[in-house]
Amino acid sequence: MKKVTFFAILTVLLLQTVNVFAMATPAAGSFAYDLYDIAVNKILLGPIGFVAGVAAMVFAAILAIRQMILPAAGVILGGAFLLSASTVVQTIGSIIM
């Protein structure tokens, strides 16, 4: 009987819903929007972010040629993040508890 009660409580706890919040772009004209515009739109999604992503891929290739595989894998992940930053920015607020 105790096992049935334990598994029933465990099932209820695992199926319990949680409120999920999404990050929204700050309102235009506010101070936070100016920071968001500079950091995300002009740097991360702009030419600076693209050049940093390409440079990271080149650096990862150099590390891989030198047989430094683990650091190269980390640099590839960072470069892929920079090159696909527009997709990441769109989905970044999907789950924030």
PDB file of N, CA and C in Angstrom:
ATOM      1  N   MET A   1       0.826  -1.195   0.000  1.00  0.00           N
ATOM      2  CA  MET A   1       0.000   0.000   0.000  1.00  0.00           C
ATOM      3  C   MET A   1       0.871   1.261   0.000  1.00  0.00           C
ATOM      4  N   LYS A   2       2.002   1.194   0.727  1.00  0.00           N
ATOM      5  CA  LYS A   2       2.876   2.361   0.784  1.00  0.00           C
ATOM      6  C   LYS A   2       3.514   2.645  -0.574  1.00  0.00           C
ATOM      7  N   LYS A   3       3.835   1.577  -1.322  1.00  0.00           N
ATOM      8  CA  LYS A   3       4.434   1.767  -2.638  1.00  0.00           C
ATOM      9  C   LYS A   3       3.443   2.406  -3.599  1.00  0.00           C
ATOM     10  N   VAL A   4       2.194   2.006  -3.528  1.00  0.00           N
ATOM     11  CA  VAL A   4       1.165   2.574  -4.398  1.00  0.00           C
ATOM     12  C   VAL A   4       0.970   4.051  -4.089  1.00  0.00           C
ATOM     13  N   THR A   5       0.947   4.391  -2.822  1.00  0.00           N
ATOM     14  CA  THR A   5       0.804   5.790  -2.420  1.00  0.00           C
ATOM     15  C   THR A   5       2.014   6.603  -2.870  1.00  0.00           C
ATOM     16  N   PHE A   6       3.205   6.043  -2.682  1.00  0.00           N
ATOM     17  CA  PHE A   6       4.421   6.744  -3.098  1.00  0.00           C
ATOM     18  C   PHE A   6       4.409   7.022  -4.601  1.00  0.00           C
ATOM     19  N   PHE A   7       4.074   6.009  -5.399  1.00  0.00           N
ATOM     20  CA  PHE A   7       4.063   6.192  -6.849  1.00  0.00           C
ATOM     21  C   PHE A   7       2.921   7.110  -7.304  1.00  0.00           C
ATOM     22  N   ALA A   8       1.828   7.104  -6.590  1.00  0.00           N
ATOM     23  CA  ALA A   8       0.734   8.022  -6.920  1.00  0.00           C
ATOM     24  C   ALA A   8       1.157   9.465  -6.665  1.00  0.00           C
ATOM     25  N   ILE A   9       1.800   9.707  -5.543  1.00  0.00           N
ATOM     26  CA  ILE A   9       2.280  11.062  -5.227  1.00  0.00           C
ATOM     27  C   ILE A   9       3.374  11.474  -6.202  1.00  0.00           C
ATOM     28  N   LEU A  10       4.265  10.555  -6.528  1.00  0.00           N
ATOM     29  CA  LEU A  10       5.329  10.851  -7.492  1.00  0.00           C
ATOM     30  C   LEU A  10       4.750  11.202  -8.865  1.00  0.00           C
ATOM     31  N   THR A  11       3.750  10.470  -9.292  1.00  0.00           N
ATOM     32  CA  THR A  11       3.109  10.744 -10.574  1.00  0.00           C
ATOM     33  C   THR A  11       2.451  12.116 -10.580  1.00  0.00           C
ATOM     34  N   VAL A  12       1.764  12.458  -9.515  1.00  0.00           N
ATOM     35  CA  VAL A  12       1.115  13.769  -9.421  1.00  0.00           C
ATOM     36  C   VAL A  12       2.153  14.880  -9.453  1.00  0.00           C
ATOM     37  N   LEU A  13       3.253  14.703  -8.747  1.00  0.00           N
ATOM     38  CA  LEU A  13       4.296  15.730  -8.733  1.00  0.00           C
ATOM     39  C   LEU A  13       4.966  15.887 -10.095  1.00  0.00           C
ATOM     40  N   LEU A  14       5.164  14.774 -10.807  1.00  0.00           N
ATOM     41  CA  LEU A  14       5.802  14.856 -12.120  1.00  0.00           C
ATOM     42  C   LEU A  14       4.879  15.445 -13.171  1.00  0.00           C
ATOM     43  N   LEU A  15       3.591  15.282 -13.025  1.00  0.00           N
ATOM     44  CA  LEU A  15       2.641  15.795 -14.007  1.00  0.00           C
ATOM     45  C   LEU A  15       2.128  17.203 -13.675  1.00  0.00           C
ATOM     46  N   GLN A  16       2.599  17.756 -12.572  1.00  0.00           N
ATOM     47  CA  GLN A  16       2.166  19.086 -12.158  1.00  0.00           C
ATOM     48  C   GLN A  16       2.689  20.123 -13.140  1.00  0.00           C
ATOM     49  N   THR A  17       1.834  21.056 -13.524  1.00  0.00           N
ATOM     50  CA  THR A  17       2.239  22.090 -14.476  1.00  0.00           C
ATOM     51  C   THR A  17       2.928  23.239 -13.749  1.00  0.00           C
ATOM     52  N   VAL A  18       3.780  23.921 -14.497  1.00  0.00           N
ATOM     53  CA  VAL A  18       4.527  25.051 -13.964  1.00  0.00           C
ATOM     54  C   VAL A  18       4.306  26.239 -14.891  1.00  0.00           C
ATOM     55  N   ASN A  19       4.174  27.414 -14.314  1.00  0.00           N
ATOM     56  CA  ASN A  19       4.040  28.611 -15.146  1.00  0.00           C
ATOM     57  C   ASN A  19       5.334  28.856 -15.906  1.00  0.00           C
ATOM     58  N   VAL A  20       5.209  29.167 -17.176  1.00  0.00           N
ATOM     59  CA  VAL A  20       6.364  29.426 -18.020  1.00  0.00           C
ATOM     60  C   VAL A  20       6.270  30.859 -18.521  1.00  0.00           C
ATOM     61  N   PHE A  21       7.372  31.572 -18.427  1.00  0.00           N
ATOM     62  CA  PHE A  21       7.412  32.961 -18.854  1.00  0.00           C
ATOM     63  C   PHE A  21       8.369  33.104 -20.027  1.00  0.00           C
ATOM     64  N   ALA A  22       8.050  33.949 -20.960  1.00  0.00           N
ATOM     65  CA  ALA A  22       8.925  34.215 -22.098  1.00  0.00           C
ATOM     66  C   ALA A  22       9.465  35.629 -21.981  1.00  0.00           C
ATOM     67  N   MET A  23      10.734  35.793 -22.358  1.00  0.00           N
ATOM     68  CA  MET A  23      11.315  37.127 -22.359  1.00  0.00           C
ATOM     69  C   MET A  23      10.746  37.909 -23.531  1.00  0.00           C
ATOM     70  N   ALA A  24      10.422  39.132 -23.281  1.00  0.00           N
ATOM     71  CA  ALA A  24       9.891  39.979 -24.342  1.00  0.00           C
ATOM     72  C   ALA A  24      10.871  41.107 -24.607  1.00  0.00           C
ATOM     73  N   THR A  25      10.840  41.618 -25.819  1.00  0.00           N
ATOM     74  CA  THR A  25      11.674  42.767 -26.163  1.00  0.00           C
ATOM     75  C   THR A  25      11.181  43.971 -25.372  1.00  0.00           C
ATOM     76  N   PRO A  26      12.086  44.757 -24.793  1.00  0.00           N
ATOM     77  CA  PRO A  26      11.650  45.934 -24.044  1.00  0.00           C
ATOM     78  C   PRO A  26      10.902  46.914 -24.948  1.00  0.00           C
ATOM     79  N   ALA A  27      10.079  47.735 -24.331  1.00  0.00           N
ATOM     80  CA  ALA A  27       9.283  48.708 -25.083  1.00  0.00           C
ATOM     81  C   ALA A  27      10.192  49.740 -25.739  1.00  0.00           C
ATOM     82  N   ALA A  28       9.844  50.130 -26.950  1.00  0.00           N
ATOM     83  CA  ALA A  28      10.645  51.114 -27.692  1.00  0.00           C
ATOM     84  C   ALA A  28      10.645  52.445 -26.956  1.00  0.00           C
ATOM     85  N   GLY A  29      11.802  53.054 -26.888  1.00  0.00           N
ATOM     86  CA  GLY A  29      11.936  54.341 -26.220  1.00  0.00           C
ATOM     87  C   GLY A  29      12.413  54.243 -24.790  1.00  0.00           C
ATOM     88  N   SER A  30      12.385  53.074 -24.195  1.00  0.00           N
ATOM     89  CA  SER A  30      12.848  52.931 -22.818  1.00  0.00           C
ATOM     90  C   SER A  30      14.364  52.734 -22.792  1.00  0.00           C
ATOM     91  N   PHE A  31      14.933  52.901 -21.607  1.00  0.00           N
ATOM     92  CA  PHE A  31      16.377  52.737 -21.458  1.00  0.00           C
ATOM     93  C   PHE A  31      16.789  51.301 -21.744  1.00  0.00           C
ATOM     94  N   ALA A  32      15.985  50.347 -21.304  1.00  0.00           N
ATOM     95  CA  ALA A  32      16.308  48.943 -21.545  1.00  0.00           C
ATOM     96  C   ALA A  32      16.281  48.625 -23.036  1.00  0.00           C
ATOM     97  N   TYR A  33      15.400  49.273 -23.793  1.00  0.00           N
ATOM     98  CA  TYR A  33      15.356  49.018 -25.231  1.00  0.00           C
ATOM     99  C   TYR A  33      16.629  49.510 -25.910  1.00  0.00           C
ATOM    100  N   ASP A  34      17.146  50.646 -25.465  1.00  0.00           N
ATOM    101  CA  ASP A  34      18.392  51.150 -26.047  1.00  0.00           C
ATOM    102  C   ASP A  34      19.541  50.164 -25.815  1.00  0.00           C
ATOM    103  N   LEU A  35      19.629  49.625 -24.612  1.00  0.00           N
ATOM    104  CA  LEU A  35      20.664  48.626 -24.325  1.00  0.00           C
ATOM    105  C   LEU A  35      20.446  47.360 -25.151  1.00  0.00           C
ATOM    106  N   TYR A  36      19.185  46.919 -25.251  1.00  0.00           N
ATOM    107  CA  TYR A  36      18.865  45.728 -26.039  1.00  0.00           C
ATOM    108  C   TYR A  36      19.198  45.959 -27.508  1.00  0.00           C
ATOM    109  N   ASP A  37      18.868  47.121 -28.019  1.00  0.00           N
ATOM    110  CA  ASP A  37      19.122  47.423 -29.427  1.00  0.00           C
ATOM    111  C   ASP A  37      20.618  47.409 -29.733  1.00  0.00           C
ATOM    112  N   ILE A  38      21.407  47.999 -28.862  1.00  0.00           N
ATOM    113  CA  ILE A  38      22.851  48.040 -29.089  1.00  0.00           C
ATOM    114  C   ILE A  38      23.463  46.644 -28.940  1.00  0.00           C
ATOM    115  N   ALA A  39      23.121  45.946 -27.839  1.00  0.00           N
ATOM    116  CA  ALA A  39      23.758  44.659 -27.556  1.00  0.00           C
ATOM    117  C   ALA A  39      23.303  43.559 -28.507  1.00  0.00           C
ATOM    118  N   VAL A  40      22.021  43.489 -28.801  1.00  0.00           N
ATOM    119  CA  VAL A  40      21.513  42.366 -29.593  1.00  0.00           C
ATOM    120  C   VAL A  40      21.473  42.705 -31.075  1.00  0.00           C
ATOM    121  N   ASN A  41      20.776  43.779 -31.424  1.00  0.00           N
ATOM    122  CA  ASN A  41      20.570  44.072 -32.849  1.00  0.00           C
ATOM    123  C   ASN A  41      21.829  44.557 -33.552  1.00  0.00           C
ATOM    124  N   LYS A  42      22.586  45.428 -32.904  1.00  0.00           N
ATOM    125  CA  LYS A  42      23.730  46.021 -33.596  1.00  0.00           C
ATOM    126  C   LYS A  42      25.027  45.230 -33.426  1.00  0.00           C
ATOM    127  N   ILE A  43      25.205  44.549 -32.297  1.00  0.00           N
ATOM    128  CA  ILE A  43      26.455  43.813 -32.080  1.00  0.00           C
ATOM    129  C   ILE A  43      26.276  42.326 -32.378  1.00  0.00           C
ATOM    130  N   LEU A  44      25.368  41.657 -31.651  1.00  0.00           N
ATOM    131  CA  LEU A  44      25.230  40.207 -31.797  1.00  0.00           C
ATOM    132  C   LEU A  44      24.693  39.814 -33.168  1.00  0.00           C
ATOM    133  N   LEU A  45      23.648  40.478 -33.636  1.00  0.00           N
ATOM    134  CA  LEU A  45      23.053  40.136 -34.929  1.00  0.00           C
ATOM    135  C   LEU A  45      23.669  40.910 -36.085  1.00  0.00           C
ATOM    136  N   GLY A  46      24.534  41.840 -35.797  1.00  0.00           N
ATOM    137  CA  GLY A  46      25.136  42.657 -36.835  1.00  0.00           C
ATOM    138  C   GLY A  46      26.438  42.079 -37.357  1.00  0.00           C
ATOM    139  N   PRO A  47      27.209  42.929 -38.025  1.00  0.00           N
ATOM    140  CA  PRO A  47      28.459  42.455 -38.626  1.00  0.00           C
ATOM    141  C   PRO A  47      29.501  42.023 -37.595  1.00  0.00           C
ATOM    142  N   ILE A  48      29.470  42.601 -36.413  1.00  0.00           N
ATOM    143  CA  ILE A  48      30.449  42.222 -35.390  1.00  0.00           C
ATOM    144  C   ILE A  48      30.233  40.766 -34.970  1.00  0.00           C
ATOM    145  N   GLY A  49      28.989  40.367 -34.760  1.00  0.00           N
ATOM    146  CA  GLY A  49      28.688  38.990 -34.387  1.00  0.00           C
ATOM    147  C   GLY A  49      29.022  38.007 -35.489  1.00  0.00           C
ATOM    148  N   PHE A  50      28.747  38.397 -36.740  1.00  0.00           N
ATOM    149  CA  PHE A  50      29.058  37.505 -37.858  1.00  0.00           C
ATOM    150  C   PHE A  50      30.560  37.303 -38.009  1.00  0.00           C
ATOM    151  N   VAL A  51      31.319  38.375 -37.937  1.00  0.00           N
ATOM    152  CA  VAL A  51      32.779  38.277 -38.065  1.00  0.00           C
ATOM    153  C   VAL A  51      33.352  37.475 -36.898  1.00  0.00           C
ATOM    154  N   ALA A  52      32.813  37.654 -35.701  1.00  0.00           N
ATOM    155  CA  ALA A  52      33.287  36.879 -34.558  1.00  0.00           C
ATOM    156  C   ALA A  52      32.978  35.393 -34.744  1.00  0.00           C
ATOM    157  N   GLY A  53      31.826  35.071 -35.310  1.00  0.00           N
ATOM    158  CA  GLY A  53      31.487  33.671 -35.566  1.00  0.00           C
ATOM    159  C   GLY A  53      32.394  33.033 -36.592  1.00  0.00           C
ATOM    160  N   VAL A  54      32.683  33.752 -37.665  1.00  0.00           N
ATOM    161  CA  VAL A  54      33.592  33.226 -38.691  1.00  0.00           C
ATOM    162  C   VAL A  54      35.003  33.088 -38.128  1.00  0.00           C
ATOM    163  N   ALA A  55      35.449  34.072 -37.350  1.00  0.00           N
ATOM    164  CA  ALA A  55      36.780  34.000 -36.744  1.00  0.00           C
ATOM    165  C   ALA A  55      36.872  32.817 -35.776  1.00  0.00           C
ATOM    166  N   ALA A  56      35.793  32.544 -35.057  1.00  0.00           N
ATOM    167  CA  ALA A  56      35.789  31.399 -34.149  1.00  0.00           C
ATOM    168  C   ALA A  56      35.907  30.092 -34.924  1.00  0.00           C
ATOM    169  N   MET A  57      35.242  29.997 -36.061  1.00  0.00           N
ATOM    170  CA  MET A  57      35.349  28.781 -36.872  1.00  0.00           C
ATOM    171  C   MET A  57      36.765  28.591 -37.423  1.00  0.00           C
ATOM    172  N   VAL A  58      37.400  29.675 -37.843  1.00  0.00           N
ATOM    173  CA  VAL A  58      38.777  29.596 -38.333  1.00  0.00           C
ATOM    174  C   VAL A  58      39.719  29.190 -37.198  1.00  0.00           C
ATOM    175  N   PHE A  59      39.522  29.778 -36.034  1.00  0.00           N
ATOM    176  CA  PHE A  59      40.337  29.442 -34.877  1.00  0.00           C
ATOM    177  C   PHE A  59      40.135  27.980 -34.474  1.00  0.00           C
ATOM    178  N   ALA A  60      38.898  27.489 -34.560  1.00  0.00           N
ATOM    179  CA  ALA A  60      38.626  26.086 -34.246  1.00  0.00           C
ATOM    180  C   ALA A  60      39.316  25.163 -35.239  1.00  0.00           C
ATOM    181  N   ALA A  61      39.355  25.572 -36.501  1.00  0.00           N
ATOM    182  CA  ALA A  61      40.055  24.755 -37.498  1.00  0.00           C
ATOM    183  C   ALA A  61      41.553  24.699 -37.189  1.00  0.00           C
ATOM    184  N   ILE A  62      42.129  25.822 -36.784  1.00  0.00           N
ATOM    185  CA  ILE A  62      43.546  25.843 -36.419  1.00  0.00           C
ATOM    186  C   ILE A  62      43.803  24.947 -35.213  1.00  0.00           C
ATOM    187  N   LEU A  63      42.915  25.010 -34.216  1.00  0.00           N
ATOM    188  CA  LEU A  63      43.069  24.146 -33.045  1.00  0.00           C
ATOM    189  C   LEU A  63      42.942  22.668 -33.416  1.00  0.00           C
ATOM    190  N   ALA A  64      42.035  22.353 -34.316  1.00  0.00           N
ATOM    191  CA  ALA A  64      41.855  20.958 -34.726  1.00  0.00           C
ATOM    192  C   ALA A  64      43.076  20.450 -35.479  1.00  0.00           C
ATOM    193  N   ILE A  65      43.689  21.306 -36.302  1.00  0.00           N
ATOM    194  CA  ILE A  65      44.907  20.909 -37.015  1.00  0.00           C
ATOM    195  C   ILE A  65      46.045  20.640 -36.033  1.00  0.00           C
ATOM    196  N   ARG A  66      46.078  21.390 -34.946  1.00  0.00           N
ATOM    197  CA  ARG A  66      47.113  21.196 -33.924  1.00  0.00           C
ATOM    198  C   ARG A  66      46.776  20.072 -32.946  1.00  0.00           C
ATOM    199  N   GLN A  67      45.741  19.284 -33.232  1.00  0.00           N
ATOM    200  CA  GLN A  67      45.321  18.152 -32.401  1.00  0.00           C
ATOM    201  C   GLN A  67      44.815  18.579 -31.023  1.00  0.00           C
ATOM    202  N   MET A  68      44.282  19.770 -30.907  1.00  0.00           N
ATOM    203  CA  MET A  68      43.675  20.237 -29.662  1.00  0.00           C
ATOM    204  C   MET A  68      42.157  20.132 -29.831  1.00  0.00           C
ATOM    205  N   ILE A  69      41.668  18.911 -29.764  1.00  0.00           N
ATOM    206  CA  ILE A  69      40.288  18.610 -30.130  1.00  0.00           C
ATOM    207  C   ILE A  69      39.284  19.184 -29.130  1.00  0.00           C
ATOM    208  N   LEU A  70      39.521  19.038 -27.842  1.00  0.00           N
ATOM    209  CA  LEU A  70      38.553  19.506 -26.849  1.00  0.00           C
ATOM    210  C   LEU A  70      38.367  21.026 -26.890  1.00  0.00           C
ATOM    211  N   PRO A  71      39.449  21.820 -26.911  1.00  0.00           N
ATOM    212  CA  PRO A  71      39.226  23.263 -27.058  1.00  0.00           C
ATOM    213  C   PRO A  71      38.576  23.622 -28.395  1.00  0.00           C
ATOM    214  N   ALA A  72      38.906  22.888 -29.449  1.00  0.00           N
ATOM    215  CA  ALA A  72      38.309  23.155 -30.754  1.00  0.00           C
ATOM    216  C   ALA A  72      36.805  22.915 -30.719  1.00  0.00           C
ATOM    217  N   ALA A  73      36.376  21.890 -30.000  1.00  0.00           N
ATOM    218  CA  ALA A  73      34.940  21.610 -29.897  1.00  0.00           C
ATOM    219  C   ALA A  73      34.213  22.745 -29.185  1.00  0.00           C
ATOM    220  N   GLY A  74      34.801  23.275 -28.131  1.00  0.00           N
ATOM    221  CA  GLY A  74      34.189  24.415 -27.432  1.00  0.00           C
ATOM    222  C   GLY A  74      34.110  25.652 -28.299  1.00  0.00           C
ATOM    223  N   VAL A  75      35.171  25.903 -29.060  1.00  0.00           N
ATOM    224  CA  VAL A  75      35.188  27.074 -29.943  1.00  0.00           C
ATOM    225  C   VAL A  75      34.165  26.909 -31.073  1.00  0.00           C
ATOM    226  N   ILE A  76      34.005  25.692 -31.568  1.00  0.00           N
ATOM    227  CA  ILE A  76      33.000  25.444 -32.610  1.00  0.00           C
ATOM    228  C   ILE A  76      31.603  25.718 -32.075  1.00  0.00           C
ATOM    229  N   LEU A  77      31.334  25.295 -30.843  1.00  0.00           N
ATOM    230  CA  LEU A  77      30.020  25.564 -30.252  1.00  0.00           C
ATOM    231  C   LEU A  77      29.772  27.063 -30.103  1.00  0.00           C
ATOM    232  N   GLY A  78      30.779  27.796 -29.656  1.00  0.00           N
ATOM    233  CA  GLY A  78      30.635  29.244 -29.538  1.00  0.00           C
ATOM    234  C   GLY A  78      30.454  29.918 -30.883  1.00  0.00           C
ATOM    235  N   GLY A  79      31.215  29.482 -31.879  1.00  0.00           N
ATOM    236  CA  GLY A  79      31.080  30.051 -33.221  1.00  0.00           C
ATOM    237  C   GLY A  79      29.735  29.732 -33.843  1.00  0.00           C
ATOM    238  N   ALA A  80      29.234  28.515 -33.606  1.00  0.00           N
ATOM    239  CA  ALA A  80      27.910  28.161 -34.121  1.00  0.00           C
ATOM    240  C   ALA A  80      26.833  29.002 -33.454  1.00  0.00           C
ATOM    241  N   PHE A  81      27.005  29.286 -32.164  1.00  0.00           N
ATOM    242  CA  PHE A  81      26.068  30.166 -31.477  1.00  0.00           C
ATOM    243  C   PHE A  81      26.069  31.557 -32.101  1.00  0.00           C
ATOM    244  N   LEU A  82      27.244  32.073 -32.396  1.00  0.00           N
ATOM    245  CA  LEU A  82      27.320  33.410 -32.988  1.00  0.00           C
ATOM    246  C   LEU A  82      26.758  33.446 -34.403  1.00  0.00           C
ATOM    247  N   LEU A  83      27.004  32.397 -35.181  1.00  0.00           N
ATOM    248  CA  LEU A  83      26.509  32.389 -36.554  1.00  0.00           C
ATOM    249  C   LEU A  83      25.000  32.167 -36.636  1.00  0.00           C
ATOM    250  N   SER A  84      24.422  31.500 -35.652  1.00  0.00           N
ATOM    251  CA  SER A  84      22.968  31.296 -35.650  1.00  0.00           C
ATOM    252  C   SER A  84      22.310  32.134 -34.560  1.00  0.00           C
ATOM    253  N   ALA A  85      22.849  33.298 -34.302  1.00  0.00           N
ATOM    254  CA  ALA A  85      22.363  34.143 -33.211  1.00  0.00           C
ATOM    255  C   ALA A  85      20.928  34.604 -33.426  1.00  0.00           C
ATOM    256  N   SER A  86      20.515  34.811 -34.668  1.00  0.00           N
ATOM    257  CA  SER A  86      19.140  35.271 -34.888  1.00  0.00           C
ATOM    258  C   SER A  86      18.132  34.223 -34.430  1.00  0.00           C
ATOM    259  N   THR A  87      18.413  32.963 -34.682  1.00  0.00           N
ATOM    260  CA  THR A  87      17.526  31.891 -34.225  1.00  0.00           C
ATOM    261  C   THR A  87      17.554  31.773 -32.712  1.00  0.00           C
ATOM    262  N   VAL A  88      18.725  31.912 -32.129  1.00  0.00           N
ATOM    263  CA  VAL A  88      18.849  31.811 -30.678  1.00  0.00           C
ATOM    264  C   VAL A  88      18.111  32.953 -30.001  1.00  0.00           C
ATOM    265  N   VAL A  89      18.214  34.160 -30.531  1.00  0.00           N
ATOM    266  CA  VAL A  89      17.540  35.309 -29.943  1.00  0.00           C
ATOM    267  C   VAL A  89      16.025  35.139 -30.008  1.00  0.00           C
ATOM    268  N   GLN A  90      15.518  34.542 -31.082  1.00  0.00           N
ATOM    269  CA  GLN A  90      14.076  34.342 -31.205  1.00  0.00           C
ATOM    270  C   GLN A  90      13.555  33.310 -30.215  1.00  0.00           C
ATOM    271  N   THR A  91      14.362  32.316 -29.871  1.00  0.00           N
ATOM    272  CA  THR A  91      13.893  31.239 -29.013  1.00  0.00           C
ATOM    273  C   THR A  91      14.430  31.311 -27.590  1.00  0.00           C
ATOM    274  N   ILE A  92      15.193  32.334 -27.244  1.00  0.00           N
ATOM    275  CA  ILE A  92      15.851  32.367 -25.938  1.00  0.00           C
ATOM    276  C   ILE A  92      14.855  32.461 -24.791  1.00  0.00           C
ATOM    277  N   GLY A  93      13.725  33.063 -25.010  1.00  0.00           N
ATOM    278  CA  GLY A  93      12.764  33.220 -23.915  1.00  0.00           C
ATOM    279  C   GLY A  93      11.724  32.134 -23.861  1.00  0.00           C
ATOM    280  N   SER A  94      11.973  30.988 -24.461  1.00  0.00           N
ATOM    281  CA  SER A  94      10.923  29.966 -24.515  1.00  0.00           C
ATOM    282  C   SER A  94      10.597  29.402 -23.135  1.00  0.00           C
ATOM    283  N   ILE A  95      11.595  29.104 -22.323  1.00  0.00           N
ATOM    284  CA  ILE A  95      11.316  28.549 -20.994  1.00  0.00           C
ATOM    285  C   ILE A  95      12.210  29.242 -19.973  1.00  0.00           C
ATOM    286  N   ILE A  96      11.599  30.076 -19.148  1.00  0.00           N
ATOM    287  CA  ILE A  96      12.301  30.692 -18.012  1.00  0.00           C
ATOM    288  C   ILE A  96      11.405  30.485 -16.802  1.00  0.00           C
ATOM    289  N   MET A  97      11.873  29.697 -15.865  1.00  0.00           N
ATOM    290  CA  MET A  97      11.043  29.395 -14.696  1.00  0.00           C
ATOM    291  C   MET A  97      11.389  30.313 -13.562  1.00  0.00           C
TER     292      MET A  97
END
